[in-house]
Amino acid sequence: MRFSLTSILFPVMLFLASCTTTSIQQKEQLVLNLDLQTSNKNKEMIIEYLLKEDLQFAVDFDKTDSYKLGNNILKSDLKYFCNSFIEEQNIFLESVVFNSSRDSNKKILIVYSDEFKKIAQNLKNKYPLELYFLIDEENYKNKIDKILGRDLSIEKHSNMSSIDRNINIEHSPRIRNDISKMYFLINYDLGKTIVPIFRSSALNIDFYSSTQIFHNANNLKKLVDFENTYIPLSKKIIDNISNKKKIDSIENEFEKLLISDFLTIEKIYQNNLFKSNIMLETGPTKIRKNQCINRNLAIWKISSNSITNRS
């Protein structure tokens, strides 16, 4: 459901005015006083959340020197959290993809676009012996064949076939056998095109990516393009999104969940509701006073069966 900021703020002011004569029952409600500066887009999501909650609240978006919430919530260091949602995924993926227990005789192929050059370079500085492949939308099919070694297999078959064109030689191009994992640092527009190509050639190689690879998808069913790719995401997040009949984008749904988590933790601090374990919209976590929060990420393997059953 969409709200304009103007149409939301008017009933909010009426609601706040009514709070001056609260009943005993209302006084027992939770209280949330919020001072922060952020974009109109985020303001609307915050107000939309608060109007659905059974609590007394007051919001000031204009207070000088108040907490500043960046417009890009997924990449912002949300208050109370140790890292942004995206950075936490990157840290988690690095620990999984580049773990010390992997086969030392095989390499990891990092496929990245211009948008992710900085992240790829940081990984290259740490892990210089791995394979790094910058890709774009131009002639990507031939580039993929080259990086996988398929071009040599195709060339060899072509040379053999040219010896006697009356002989039909069946051929399935083989790829290099020294790659154990592929790590994709690309967006949705590029990912939905090239990941299926890699998958058709590299059936026995594990694929990994952050959620950025499908942020612009507007339906969970479209994730079938990333079949069998490992994503650092809790089951609860997927459940939350799958319950929606229609969404603008998966990225927008993530933003709403992060706003909900931020306000839930703010509510916990202001009402002294600390527990050892809290179930946030993005998954279970531990909240300790005056300690930053790490999200409890898990690895989710995309499968067409699970997506179809959820959507």
C-alpha atoms as a PDB file:
ATOM      1  CA  MET A   1       0.000   0.000   0.000  1.00  0.00           C
ATOM      2  CA  ARG A   2       1.412   3.401  -0.987  1.00  0.00           C
ATOM      3  CA  PHE A   3       1.146   6.646   0.970  1.00  0.00           C
ATOM      4  CA  SER A   4       2.255  10.135   0.018  1.00  0.00           C
ATOM      5  CA  LEU A   5       4.266  11.874   2.714  1.00  0.00           C
ATOM      6  CA  THR A   6       1.822  14.787   2.865  1.00  0.00           C
ATOM      7  CA  SER A   7      -1.231  12.567   3.285  1.00  0.00           C
ATOM      8  CA  ILE A   8       0.531  10.573   6.010  1.00  0.00           C
ATOM      9  CA  LEU A   9       1.865  13.435   8.113  1.00  0.00           C
ATOM     10  CA  PHE A  10      -1.547  15.082   8.568  1.00  0.00           C
ATOM     11  CA  PRO A  11      -3.198  12.102  10.300  1.00  0.00           C
ATOM     12  CA  VAL A  12       0.028  11.591  12.260  1.00  0.00           C
ATOM     13  CA  MET A  13      -0.269  15.122  13.677  1.00  0.00           C
ATOM     14  CA  LEU A  14      -3.887  14.405  14.603  1.00  0.00           C
ATOM     15  CA  PHE A  15      -2.813  11.174  16.236  1.00  0.00           C
ATOM     16  CA  LEU A  16      -0.096  12.919  18.242  1.00  0.00           C
ATOM     17  CA  ALA A  17      -2.530  15.550  19.411  1.00  0.00           C
ATOM     18  CA  SER A  18      -4.904  12.873  20.668  1.00  0.00           C
ATOM     19  CA  CYS A  19      -2.101  11.378  22.747  1.00  0.00           C
ATOM     20  CA  THR A  20      -2.218  14.347  25.161  1.00  0.00           C
ATOM     21  CA  THR A  21      -5.288  12.857  26.852  1.00  0.00           C
ATOM     22  CA  THR A  22      -4.384   9.204  26.944  1.00  0.00           C
ATOM     23  CA  SER A  23      -6.307   6.676  29.004  1.00  0.00           C
ATOM     24  CA  ILE A  24      -4.732   4.324  31.537  1.00  0.00           C
ATOM     25  CA  GLN A  25      -4.790   1.612  28.907  1.00  0.00           C
ATOM     26  CA  GLN A  26      -2.937   3.833  26.436  1.00  0.00           C
ATOM     27  CA  LYS A  27      -0.305   4.663  29.022  1.00  0.00           C
ATOM     28  CA  GLU A  28       0.513   0.996  29.174  1.00  0.00           C
ATOM     29  CA  GLN A  29       1.301   1.002  25.476  1.00  0.00           C
ATOM     30  CA  LEU A  30       4.866   1.124  24.280  1.00  0.00           C
ATOM     31  CA  VAL A  31       6.309   4.550  23.543  1.00  0.00           C
ATOM     32  CA  LEU A  32       8.614   5.549  20.712  1.00  0.00           C
ATOM     33  CA  ASN A  33      10.156   9.002  20.308  1.00  0.00           C
ATOM     34  CA  LEU A  34      12.035   9.310  17.062  1.00  0.00           C
ATOM     35  CA  ASP A  35      14.360  12.119  15.972  1.00  0.00           C
ATOM     36  CA  LEU A  36      16.138  11.589  12.674  1.00  0.00           C
ATOM     37  CA  GLN A  37      16.945  13.087   9.303  1.00  0.00           C
ATOM     38  CA  THR A  38      16.390  11.085   6.141  1.00  0.00           C
ATOM     39  CA  SER A  39      14.906  11.134   2.634  1.00  0.00           C
ATOM     40  CA  ASN A  40      11.195  11.432   1.868  1.00  0.00           C
ATOM     41  CA  LYS A  41      11.195   7.839   0.647  1.00  0.00           C
ATOM     42  CA  ASN A  42      12.439   6.620   4.018  1.00  0.00           C
ATOM     43  CA  LYS A  43      10.098   8.940   5.909  1.00  0.00           C
ATOM     44  CA  GLU A  44       7.124   7.364   4.179  1.00  0.00           C
ATOM     45  CA  MET A  45       8.269   3.844   5.068  1.00  0.00           C
ATOM     46  CA  ILE A  46       8.854   4.878   8.692  1.00  0.00           C
ATOM     47  CA  ILE A  47       5.432   6.493   9.047  1.00  0.00           C
ATOM     48  CA  GLU A  48       3.747   3.560   7.307  1.00  0.00           C
ATOM     49  CA  TYR A  49       5.350   1.193   9.844  1.00  0.00           C
ATOM     50  CA  LEU A  50       4.441   3.343  12.868  1.00  0.00           C
ATOM     51  CA  LEU A  51       0.797   3.667  11.851  1.00  0.00           C
ATOM     52  CA  LYS A  52       0.478  -0.108  11.872  1.00  0.00           C
ATOM     53  CA  GLU A  53       1.994  -0.508  15.346  1.00  0.00           C
ATOM     54  CA  ASP A  54       0.105  -0.407  18.649  1.00  0.00           C
ATOM     55  CA  LEU A  55       2.232   2.267  20.325  1.00  0.00           C
ATOM     56  CA  GLN A  56       2.391   5.941  21.181  1.00  0.00           C
ATOM     57  CA  PHE A  57       4.909   7.725  19.026  1.00  0.00           C
ATOM     58  CA  ALA A  58       6.296  11.139  18.229  1.00  0.00           C
ATOM     59  CA  VAL A  59       8.467  11.787  15.190  1.00  0.00           C
ATOM     60  CA  ASP A  60      10.661  14.783  14.394  1.00  0.00           C
ATOM     61  CA  PHE A  61      12.330  14.696  10.990  1.00  0.00           C
ATOM     62  CA  ASP A  62      13.723  18.242  11.245  1.00  0.00           C
ATOM     63  CA  LYS A  63      15.667  18.240  14.498  1.00  0.00           C
ATOM     64  CA  THR A  64      19.185  19.572  14.016  1.00  0.00           C
ATOM     65  CA  ASP A  65      22.053  17.199  14.858  1.00  0.00           C
ATOM     66  CA  SER A  66      19.713  14.192  15.023  1.00  0.00           C
ATOM     67  CA  TYR A  67      20.611  10.762  13.649  1.00  0.00           C
ATOM     68  CA  LYS A  68      21.003  10.758   9.859  1.00  0.00           C
ATOM     69  CA  LEU A  69      19.676   7.738   8.010  1.00  0.00           C
ATOM     70  CA  GLY A  70      21.125   7.494   4.502  1.00  0.00           C
ATOM     71  CA  ASN A  71      18.786   7.239   1.536  1.00  0.00           C
ATOM     72  CA  ASN A  72      20.285   3.883   0.483  1.00  0.00           C
ATOM     73  CA  ILE A  73      19.193   1.855   3.491  1.00  0.00           C
ATOM     74  CA  LEU A  74      20.765  -1.378   2.266  1.00  0.00           C
ATOM     75  CA  LYS A  75      24.232   0.199   2.172  1.00  0.00           C
ATOM     76  CA  SER A  76      23.797   2.486   5.203  1.00  0.00           C
ATOM     77  CA  ASP A  77      25.184   1.685   8.632  1.00  0.00           C
ATOM     78  CA  LEU A  78      21.843   1.525  10.388  1.00  0.00           C
ATOM     79  CA  LYS A  79      21.866   2.634  14.000  1.00  0.00           C
ATOM     80  CA  TYR A  80      22.607  -0.251  16.409  1.00  0.00           C
ATOM     81  CA  PHE A  81      24.005  -2.529  13.670  1.00  0.00           C
ATOM     82  CA  CYS A  82      27.711  -3.301  13.228  1.00  0.00           C
ATOM     83  CA  ASN A  83      27.577  -3.176   9.428  1.00  0.00           C
ATOM     84  CA  SER A  84      25.199  -2.343   6.619  1.00  0.00           C
ATOM     85  CA  PHE A  85      23.000  -5.097   5.206  1.00  0.00           C
ATOM     86  CA  ILE A  86      25.133  -5.333   2.036  1.00  0.00           C
ATOM     87  CA  GLU A  87      28.476  -5.127   3.831  1.00  0.00           C
ATOM     88  CA  GLU A  88      27.415  -7.847   6.233  1.00  0.00           C
ATOM     89  CA  GLN A  89      26.604 -10.075   3.269  1.00  0.00           C
ATOM     90  CA  ASN A  90      29.980  -9.345   1.686  1.00  0.00           C
ATOM     91  CA  ILE A  91      31.826 -10.198   4.889  1.00  0.00           C
ATOM     92  CA  PHE A  92      29.851 -13.412   5.292  1.00  0.00           C
ATOM     93  CA  LEU A  93      30.377 -14.448   1.663  1.00  0.00           C
ATOM     94  CA  GLU A  94      34.106 -13.829   1.879  1.00  0.00           C
ATOM     95  CA  SER A  95      34.350 -16.156   4.875  1.00  0.00           C
ATOM     96  CA  VAL A  96      32.408 -18.861   3.018  1.00  0.00           C
ATOM     97  CA  VAL A  97      33.869 -18.553  -0.475  1.00  0.00           C
ATOM     98  CA  PHE A  98      37.502 -18.077   0.499  1.00  0.00           C
ATOM     99  CA  ASN A  99      37.543 -20.432   3.479  1.00  0.00           C
ATOM    100  CA  SER A 100      40.813 -22.197   4.287  1.00  0.00           C
ATOM    101  CA  SER A 101      39.338 -25.692   4.006  1.00  0.00           C
ATOM    102  CA  ARG A 102      38.764 -25.492   0.242  1.00  0.00           C
ATOM    103  CA  ASP A 103      40.770 -27.444  -2.335  1.00  0.00           C
ATOM    104  CA  SER A 104      44.099 -25.627  -2.690  1.00  0.00           C
ATOM    105  CA  ASN A 105      44.598 -27.109  -6.166  1.00  0.00           C
ATOM    106  CA  LYS A 106      41.572 -25.304  -7.527  1.00  0.00           C
ATOM    107  CA  LYS A 107      40.794 -21.639  -7.970  1.00  0.00           C
ATOM    108  CA  ILE A 108      37.846 -19.357  -7.353  1.00  0.00           C
ATOM    109  CA  LEU A 109      36.487 -17.396 -10.308  1.00  0.00           C
ATOM    110  CA  ILE A 110      35.248 -13.922  -9.367  1.00  0.00           C
ATOM    111  CA  VAL A 111      32.993 -12.507 -12.085  1.00  0.00           C
ATOM    112  CA  TYR A 112      32.361  -8.782 -11.679  1.00  0.00           C
ATOM    113  CA  SER A 113      31.118  -5.717 -13.553  1.00  0.00           C
ATOM    114  CA  ASP A 114      32.299  -2.093 -13.482  1.00  0.00           C
ATOM    115  CA  GLU A 115      29.814  -1.324 -10.702  1.00  0.00           C
ATOM    116  CA  PHE A 116      31.655  -3.710  -8.361  1.00  0.00           C
ATOM    117  CA  LYS A 117      35.252  -2.950  -9.360  1.00  0.00           C
ATOM    118  CA  LYS A 118      36.198  -1.623  -5.925  1.00  0.00           C
ATOM    119  CA  ILE A 119      35.002  -4.769  -4.127  1.00  0.00           C
ATOM    120  CA  ALA A 120      36.736  -6.985  -6.693  1.00  0.00           C
ATOM    121  CA  GLN A 121      39.986  -5.064  -6.285  1.00  0.00           C
ATOM    122  CA  ASN A 122      39.849  -5.425  -2.504  1.00  0.00           C
ATOM    123  CA  LEU A 123      39.425  -9.178  -2.922  1.00  0.00           C
ATOM    124  CA  LYS A 124      42.263  -9.280  -5.452  1.00  0.00           C
ATOM    125  CA  ASN A 125      44.564  -7.562  -2.956  1.00  0.00           C
ATOM    126  CA  LYS A 126      43.729 -10.235  -0.371  1.00  0.00           C
ATOM    127  CA  TYR A 127      43.555 -13.234  -2.701  1.00  0.00           C
ATOM    128  CA  PRO A 128      45.793 -12.458  -5.710  1.00  0.00           C
ATOM    129  CA  LEU A 129      46.069 -16.083  -6.884  1.00  0.00           C
ATOM    130  CA  GLU A 130      42.377 -16.419  -7.738  1.00  0.00           C
ATOM    131  CA  LEU A 131      40.806 -15.705 -11.140  1.00  0.00           C
ATOM    132  CA  TYR A 132      39.181 -12.308 -11.739  1.00  0.00           C
ATOM    133  CA  PHE A 133      36.957 -11.708 -14.749  1.00  0.00           C
ATOM    134  CA  LEU A 134      35.553  -8.265 -15.619  1.00  0.00           C
ATOM    135  CA  ILE A 135      32.449  -8.669 -17.764  1.00  0.00           C
ATOM    136  CA  ASP A 136      30.018  -6.364 -19.539  1.00  0.00           C
ATOM    137  CA  GLU A 137      27.111  -6.663 -21.951  1.00  0.00           C
ATOM    138  CA  GLU A 138      29.302  -6.639 -25.068  1.00  0.00           C
ATOM    139  CA  ASN A 139      30.229  -9.989 -26.601  1.00  0.00           C
ATOM    140  CA  TYR A 140      29.853 -11.676 -23.200  1.00  0.00           C
ATOM    141  CA  LYS A 141      29.178 -15.128 -24.674  1.00  0.00           C
ATOM    142  CA  ASN A 142      32.628 -15.355 -26.291  1.00  0.00           C
ATOM    143  CA  LYS A 143      34.247 -13.913 -23.171  1.00  0.00           C
ATOM    144  CA  ILE A 144      32.582 -16.560 -21.006  1.00  0.00           C
ATOM    145  CA  ASP A 145      33.745 -19.323 -23.376  1.00  0.00           C
ATOM    146  CA  LYS A 146      37.275 -17.963 -23.107  1.00  0.00           C
ATOM    147  CA  ILE A 147      37.431 -17.715 -19.325  1.00  0.00           C
ATOM    148  CA  LEU A 148      35.990 -21.234 -18.955  1.00  0.00           C
ATOM    149  CA  GLY A 149      38.319 -22.659 -21.593  1.00  0.00           C
ATOM    150  CA  ARG A 150      35.416 -23.670 -23.818  1.00  0.00           C
ATOM    151  CA  ASP A 151      36.860 -21.732 -26.752  1.00  0.00           C
ATOM    152  CA  LEU A 152      39.853 -24.102 -26.989  1.00  0.00           C
ATOM    153  CA  SER A 153      37.570 -27.138 -26.896  1.00  0.00           C
ATOM    154  CA  ILE A 154      35.344 -25.651 -29.602  1.00  0.00           C
ATOM    155  CA  GLU A 155      38.367 -24.756 -31.738  1.00  0.00           C
ATOM    156  CA  LYS A 156      39.777 -28.265 -31.404  1.00  0.00           C
ATOM    157  CA  HIS A 157      36.451 -29.769 -32.482  1.00  0.00           C
ATOM    158  CA  SER A 158      36.264 -27.398 -35.439  1.00  0.00           C
ATOM    159  CA  ASN A 159      39.759 -28.380 -36.579  1.00  0.00           C
ATOM    160  CA  MET A 160      38.940 -32.085 -36.313  1.00  0.00           C
ATOM    161  CA  SER A 161      35.690 -31.657 -38.214  1.00  0.00           C
ATOM    162  CA  SER A 162      37.449 -29.791 -41.020  1.00  0.00           C
ATOM    163  CA  ILE A 163      39.650 -32.838 -41.756  1.00  0.00           C
ATOM    164  CA  ASP A 164      36.702 -34.793 -43.119  1.00  0.00           C
ATOM    165  CA  ARG A 165      33.370 -32.978 -43.337  1.00  0.00           C
ATOM    166  CA  ASN A 166      31.575 -36.236 -44.149  1.00  0.00           C
ATOM    167  CA  ILE A 167      32.136 -37.398 -40.585  1.00  0.00           C
ATOM    168  CA  ASN A 168      29.761 -36.012 -37.971  1.00  0.00           C
ATOM    169  CA  ILE A 169      31.610 -35.742 -34.663  1.00  0.00           C
ATOM    170  CA  GLU A 170      29.384 -35.249 -31.625  1.00  0.00           C
ATOM    171  CA  HIS A 171      30.882 -32.706 -29.297  1.00  0.00           C
ATOM    172  CA  SER A 172      30.090 -31.247 -25.890  1.00  0.00           C
ATOM    173  CA  PRO A 173      32.633 -28.505 -25.153  1.00  0.00           C
ATOM    174  CA  ARG A 174      34.548 -29.203 -21.955  1.00  0.00           C
ATOM    175  CA  ILE A 175      35.506 -26.473 -19.541  1.00  0.00           C
ATOM    176  CA  ARG A 176      38.656 -26.105 -17.471  1.00  0.00           C
ATOM    177  CA  ASN A 177      38.687 -28.315 -14.379  1.00  0.00           C
ATOM    178  CA  ASP A 178      40.628 -26.064 -12.010  1.00  0.00           C
ATOM    179  CA  ILE A 179      37.657 -23.933 -10.796  1.00  0.00           C
ATOM    180  CA  SER A 180      35.889 -24.917  -7.579  1.00  0.00           C
ATOM    181  CA  LYS A 181      33.610 -21.909  -7.018  1.00  0.00           C
ATOM    182  CA  MET A 182      32.248 -18.848  -8.809  1.00  0.00           C
ATOM    183  CA  TYR A 183      31.531 -15.623  -7.005  1.00  0.00           C
ATOM    184  CA  PHE A 184      29.345 -13.122  -8.879  1.00  0.00           C
ATOM    185  CA  LEU A 185      29.561  -9.382  -8.248  1.00  0.00           C
ATOM    186  CA  ILE A 186      27.004  -8.134 -10.746  1.00  0.00           C
ATOM    187  CA  ASN A 187      23.548  -6.538 -10.833  1.00  0.00           C
ATOM    188  CA  TYR A 188      20.235  -8.028 -11.900  1.00  0.00           C
ATOM    189  CA  ASP A 189      20.206  -6.841 -15.519  1.00  0.00           C
ATOM    190  CA  LEU A 190      23.550  -8.495 -16.242  1.00  0.00           C
ATOM    191  CA  GLY A 191      23.104 -11.401 -13.856  1.00  0.00           C
ATOM    192  CA  LYS A 192      19.849 -12.724 -15.300  1.00  0.00           C
ATOM    193  CA  THR A 193      21.629 -12.997 -18.665  1.00  0.00           C
ATOM    194  CA  ILE A 194      25.062 -14.383 -17.871  1.00  0.00           C
ATOM    195  CA  VAL A 195      24.474 -16.614 -14.827  1.00  0.00           C
ATOM    196  CA  PRO A 196      22.332 -19.097 -16.829  1.00  0.00           C
ATOM    197  CA  ILE A 197      25.124 -19.227 -19.439  1.00  0.00           C
ATOM    198  CA  PHE A 198      27.735 -20.016 -16.800  1.00  0.00           C
ATOM    199  CA  ARG A 199      25.397 -22.564 -15.215  1.00  0.00           C
ATOM    200  CA  SER A 200      24.808 -24.395 -18.509  1.00  0.00           C
ATOM    201  CA  SER A 201      28.573 -24.866 -18.866  1.00  0.00           C
ATOM    202  CA  ALA A 202      29.636 -25.360 -15.253  1.00  0.00           C
ATOM    203  CA  LEU A 203      27.139 -27.790 -13.742  1.00  0.00           C
ATOM    204  CA  ASN A 204      29.378 -29.029 -10.931  1.00  0.00           C
ATOM    205  CA  ILE A 205      30.664 -25.673  -9.714  1.00  0.00           C
ATOM    206  CA  ASP A 206      29.144 -23.864  -6.723  1.00  0.00           C
ATOM    207  CA  PHE A 207      27.847 -20.345  -7.447  1.00  0.00           C
ATOM    208  CA  TYR A 208      27.749 -17.548  -4.839  1.00  0.00           C
ATOM    209  CA  SER A 209      26.428 -13.998  -4.816  1.00  0.00           C
ATOM    210  CA  SER A 210      24.979 -11.329  -2.564  1.00  0.00           C
ATOM    211  CA  THR A 211      21.323 -10.352  -2.897  1.00  0.00           C
ATOM    212  CA  GLN A 212      22.365  -7.473  -5.147  1.00  0.00           C
ATOM    213  CA  ILE A 213      22.216  -9.877  -8.082  1.00  0.00           C
ATOM    214  CA  PHE A 214      18.400  -9.878  -7.931  1.00  0.00           C
ATOM    215  CA  HIS A 215      17.494  -6.587  -6.220  1.00  0.00           C
ATOM    216  CA  ASN A 216      15.622  -5.234  -9.246  1.00  0.00           C
ATOM    217  CA  ALA A 217      13.520  -8.366  -9.741  1.00  0.00           C
ATOM    218  CA  ASN A 218       9.836  -7.708  -9.009  1.00  0.00           C
ATOM    219  CA  ASN A 219       8.841 -11.304  -8.358  1.00  0.00           C
ATOM    220  CA  LEU A 220      10.493 -14.182  -6.510  1.00  0.00           C
ATOM    221  CA  LYS A 221       9.764 -16.449  -9.469  1.00  0.00           C
ATOM    222  CA  LYS A 222      12.306 -14.498 -11.504  1.00  0.00           C
ATOM    223  CA  LEU A 223      15.034 -15.887  -9.264  1.00  0.00           C
ATOM    224  CA  VAL A 224      14.927 -19.105 -11.283  1.00  0.00           C
ATOM    225  CA  ASP A 225      17.583 -17.454 -13.479  1.00  0.00           C
ATOM    226  CA  PHE A 226      19.924 -18.008 -10.515  1.00  0.00           C
ATOM    227  CA  GLU A 227      19.061 -21.638  -9.895  1.00  0.00           C
ATOM    228  CA  ASN A 228      21.396 -23.341  -7.364  1.00  0.00           C
ATOM    229  CA  THR A 229      23.190 -20.102  -6.494  1.00  0.00           C
ATOM    230  CA  TYR A 230      24.063 -19.660  -2.807  1.00  0.00           C
ATOM    231  CA  ILE A 231      22.862 -16.394  -1.255  1.00  0.00           C
ATOM    232  CA  PRO A 232      23.500 -15.104   2.314  1.00  0.00           C
ATOM    233  CA  LEU A 233      19.880 -14.712   3.319  1.00  0.00           C
ATOM    234  CA  SER A 234      17.705 -16.022   6.113  1.00  0.00           C
ATOM    235  CA  LYS A 235      14.634 -18.128   5.366  1.00  0.00           C
ATOM    236  CA  LYS A 236      12.517 -15.610   7.274  1.00  0.00           C
ATOM    237  CA  ILE A 237      13.285 -12.862   4.748  1.00  0.00           C
ATOM    238  CA  ILE A 238      12.208 -15.068   1.852  1.00  0.00           C
ATOM    239  CA  ASP A 239       9.045 -16.007   3.748  1.00  0.00           C
ATOM    240  CA  ASN A 240       8.239 -12.336   4.401  1.00  0.00           C
ATOM    241  CA  ILE A 241       8.549 -11.432   0.720  1.00  0.00           C
ATOM    242  CA  SER A 242       6.725 -14.504  -0.574  1.00  0.00           C
ATOM    243  CA  ASN A 243       3.676 -13.556   1.503  1.00  0.00           C
ATOM    244  CA  LYS A 244       3.227 -10.392  -0.576  1.00  0.00           C
ATOM    245  CA  LYS A 245       0.905 -10.683  -3.578  1.00  0.00           C
ATOM    246  CA  LYS A 246       2.588  -7.845  -5.469  1.00  0.00           C
ATOM    247  CA  ILE A 247       5.853  -5.979  -4.928  1.00  0.00           C
ATOM    248  CA  ASP A 248       7.669  -3.141  -6.688  1.00  0.00           C
ATOM    249  CA  SER A 249      11.041  -4.847  -6.341  1.00  0.00           C
ATOM    250  CA  ILE A 250      12.830  -7.214  -3.994  1.00  0.00           C
ATOM    251  CA  GLU A 251      15.150  -4.333  -3.081  1.00  0.00           C
ATOM    252  CA  ASN A 252      12.189  -2.264  -1.895  1.00  0.00           C
ATOM    253  CA  GLU A 253      10.972  -5.160   0.244  1.00  0.00           C
ATOM    254  CA  PHE A 254      14.420  -5.426   1.826  1.00  0.00           C
ATOM    255  CA  GLU A 255      14.285  -1.700   2.633  1.00  0.00           C
ATOM    256  CA  LYS A 256      10.952  -2.098   4.416  1.00  0.00           C
ATOM    257  CA  LEU A 257      12.273  -5.025   6.457  1.00  0.00           C
ATOM    258  CA  LEU A 258      15.371  -3.073   7.489  1.00  0.00           C
ATOM    259  CA  ILE A 259      13.255  -0.074   8.516  1.00  0.00           C
ATOM    260  CA  SER A 260      11.118  -2.418  10.597  1.00  0.00           C
ATOM    261  CA  ASP A 261      14.209  -3.902  12.275  1.00  0.00           C
ATOM    262  CA  PHE A 262      15.645  -0.469  13.037  1.00  0.00           C
ATOM    263  CA  LEU A 263      12.409   0.757  14.623  1.00  0.00           C
ATOM    264  CA  THR A 264      11.937  -2.498  16.539  1.00  0.00           C
ATOM    265  CA  ILE A 265      15.361  -2.126  18.115  1.00  0.00           C
ATOM    266  CA  GLU A 266      14.703   1.549  18.838  1.00  0.00           C
ATOM    267  CA  LYS A 267      11.513   0.445  20.599  1.00  0.00           C
ATOM    268  CA  ILE A 268      13.462  -2.153  22.597  1.00  0.00           C
ATOM    269  CA  TYR A 269      15.984   0.437  23.771  1.00  0.00           C
ATOM    270  CA  GLN A 270      13.427   3.072  24.685  1.00  0.00           C
ATOM    271  CA  ASN A 271      11.165   0.644  26.582  1.00  0.00           C
ATOM    272  CA  ASN A 272      13.907  -1.511  28.109  1.00  0.00           C
ATOM    273  CA  LEU A 273      12.653  -4.725  26.507  1.00  0.00           C
ATOM    274  CA  PHE A 274      15.983  -6.475  26.198  1.00  0.00           C
ATOM    275  CA  LYS A 275      15.979 -10.249  25.726  1.00  0.00           C
ATOM    276  CA  SER A 276      18.745 -12.648  24.876  1.00  0.00           C
ATOM    277  CA  ASN A 277      17.173 -13.531  21.518  1.00  0.00           C
ATOM    278  CA  ILE A 278      14.979 -11.359  19.302  1.00  0.00           C
ATOM    279  CA  MET A 279      13.257 -12.339  16.066  1.00  0.00           C
ATOM    280  CA  LEU A 280      13.685  -9.448  13.669  1.00  0.00           C
ATOM    281  CA  GLU A 281      12.209  -9.252  10.190  1.00  0.00           C
ATOM    282  CA  THR A 282      15.617 -10.189   8.773  1.00  0.00           C
ATOM    283  CA  GLY A 283      16.041 -13.144  11.114  1.00  0.00           C
ATOM    284  CA  PRO A 284      16.886 -14.059  14.724  1.00  0.00           C
ATOM    285  CA  THR A 285      19.586 -12.121  16.529  1.00  0.00           C
ATOM    286  CA  LYS A 286      20.957 -11.272  19.951  1.00  0.00           C
ATOM    287  CA  ILE A 287      20.568  -7.743  21.259  1.00  0.00           C
ATOM    288  CA  ARG A 288      22.771  -6.605  24.097  1.00  0.00           C
ATOM    289  CA  LYS A 289      22.675  -3.088  25.444  1.00  0.00           C
ATOM    290  CA  ASN A 290      25.452  -0.838  24.130  1.00  0.00           C
ATOM    291  CA  GLN A 291      26.744  -3.522  21.731  1.00  0.00           C
ATOM    292  CA  CYS A 292      26.329  -3.354  17.983  1.00  0.00           C
ATOM    293  CA  ILE A 293      24.233  -6.070  16.373  1.00  0.00           C
ATOM    294  CA  ASN A 294      25.395  -8.647  13.865  1.00  0.00           C
ATOM    295  CA  ARG A 295      22.711 -10.151  11.665  1.00  0.00           C
ATOM    296  CA  ASN A 296      22.427 -13.904  11.870  1.00  0.00           C
ATOM    297  CA  LEU A 297      22.876 -14.634   8.171  1.00  0.00           C
ATOM    298  CA  ALA A 298      22.528 -18.081   6.689  1.00  0.00           C
ATOM    299  CA  ILE A 299      23.171 -19.556   3.259  1.00  0.00           C
ATOM    300  CA  TRP A 300      20.084 -20.036   1.109  1.00  0.00           C
ATOM    301  CA  LYS A 301      20.343 -22.080  -2.081  1.00  0.00           C
ATOM    302  CA  ILE A 302      17.985 -20.816  -4.748  1.00  0.00           C
ATOM    303  CA  SER A 303      15.865 -23.582  -6.209  1.00  0.00           C
ATOM    304  CA  SER A 304      12.975 -23.393  -8.644  1.00  0.00           C
ATOM    305  CA  ASN A 305      10.918 -25.790  -6.511  1.00  0.00           C
ATOM    306  CA  SER A 306      11.109 -23.682  -3.365  1.00  0.00           C
ATOM    307  CA  ILE A 307      10.427 -20.474  -5.295  1.00  0.00           C
ATOM    308  CA  THR A 308       7.381 -21.933  -7.031  1.00  0.00           C
ATOM    309  CA  ASN A 309       5.995 -23.238  -3.730  1.00  0.00           C
ATOM    310  CA  ARG A 310       6.427 -19.863  -2.043  1.00  0.00           C
ATOM    311  CA  SER A 311       5.207 -17.550  -4.781  1.00  0.00           C
END
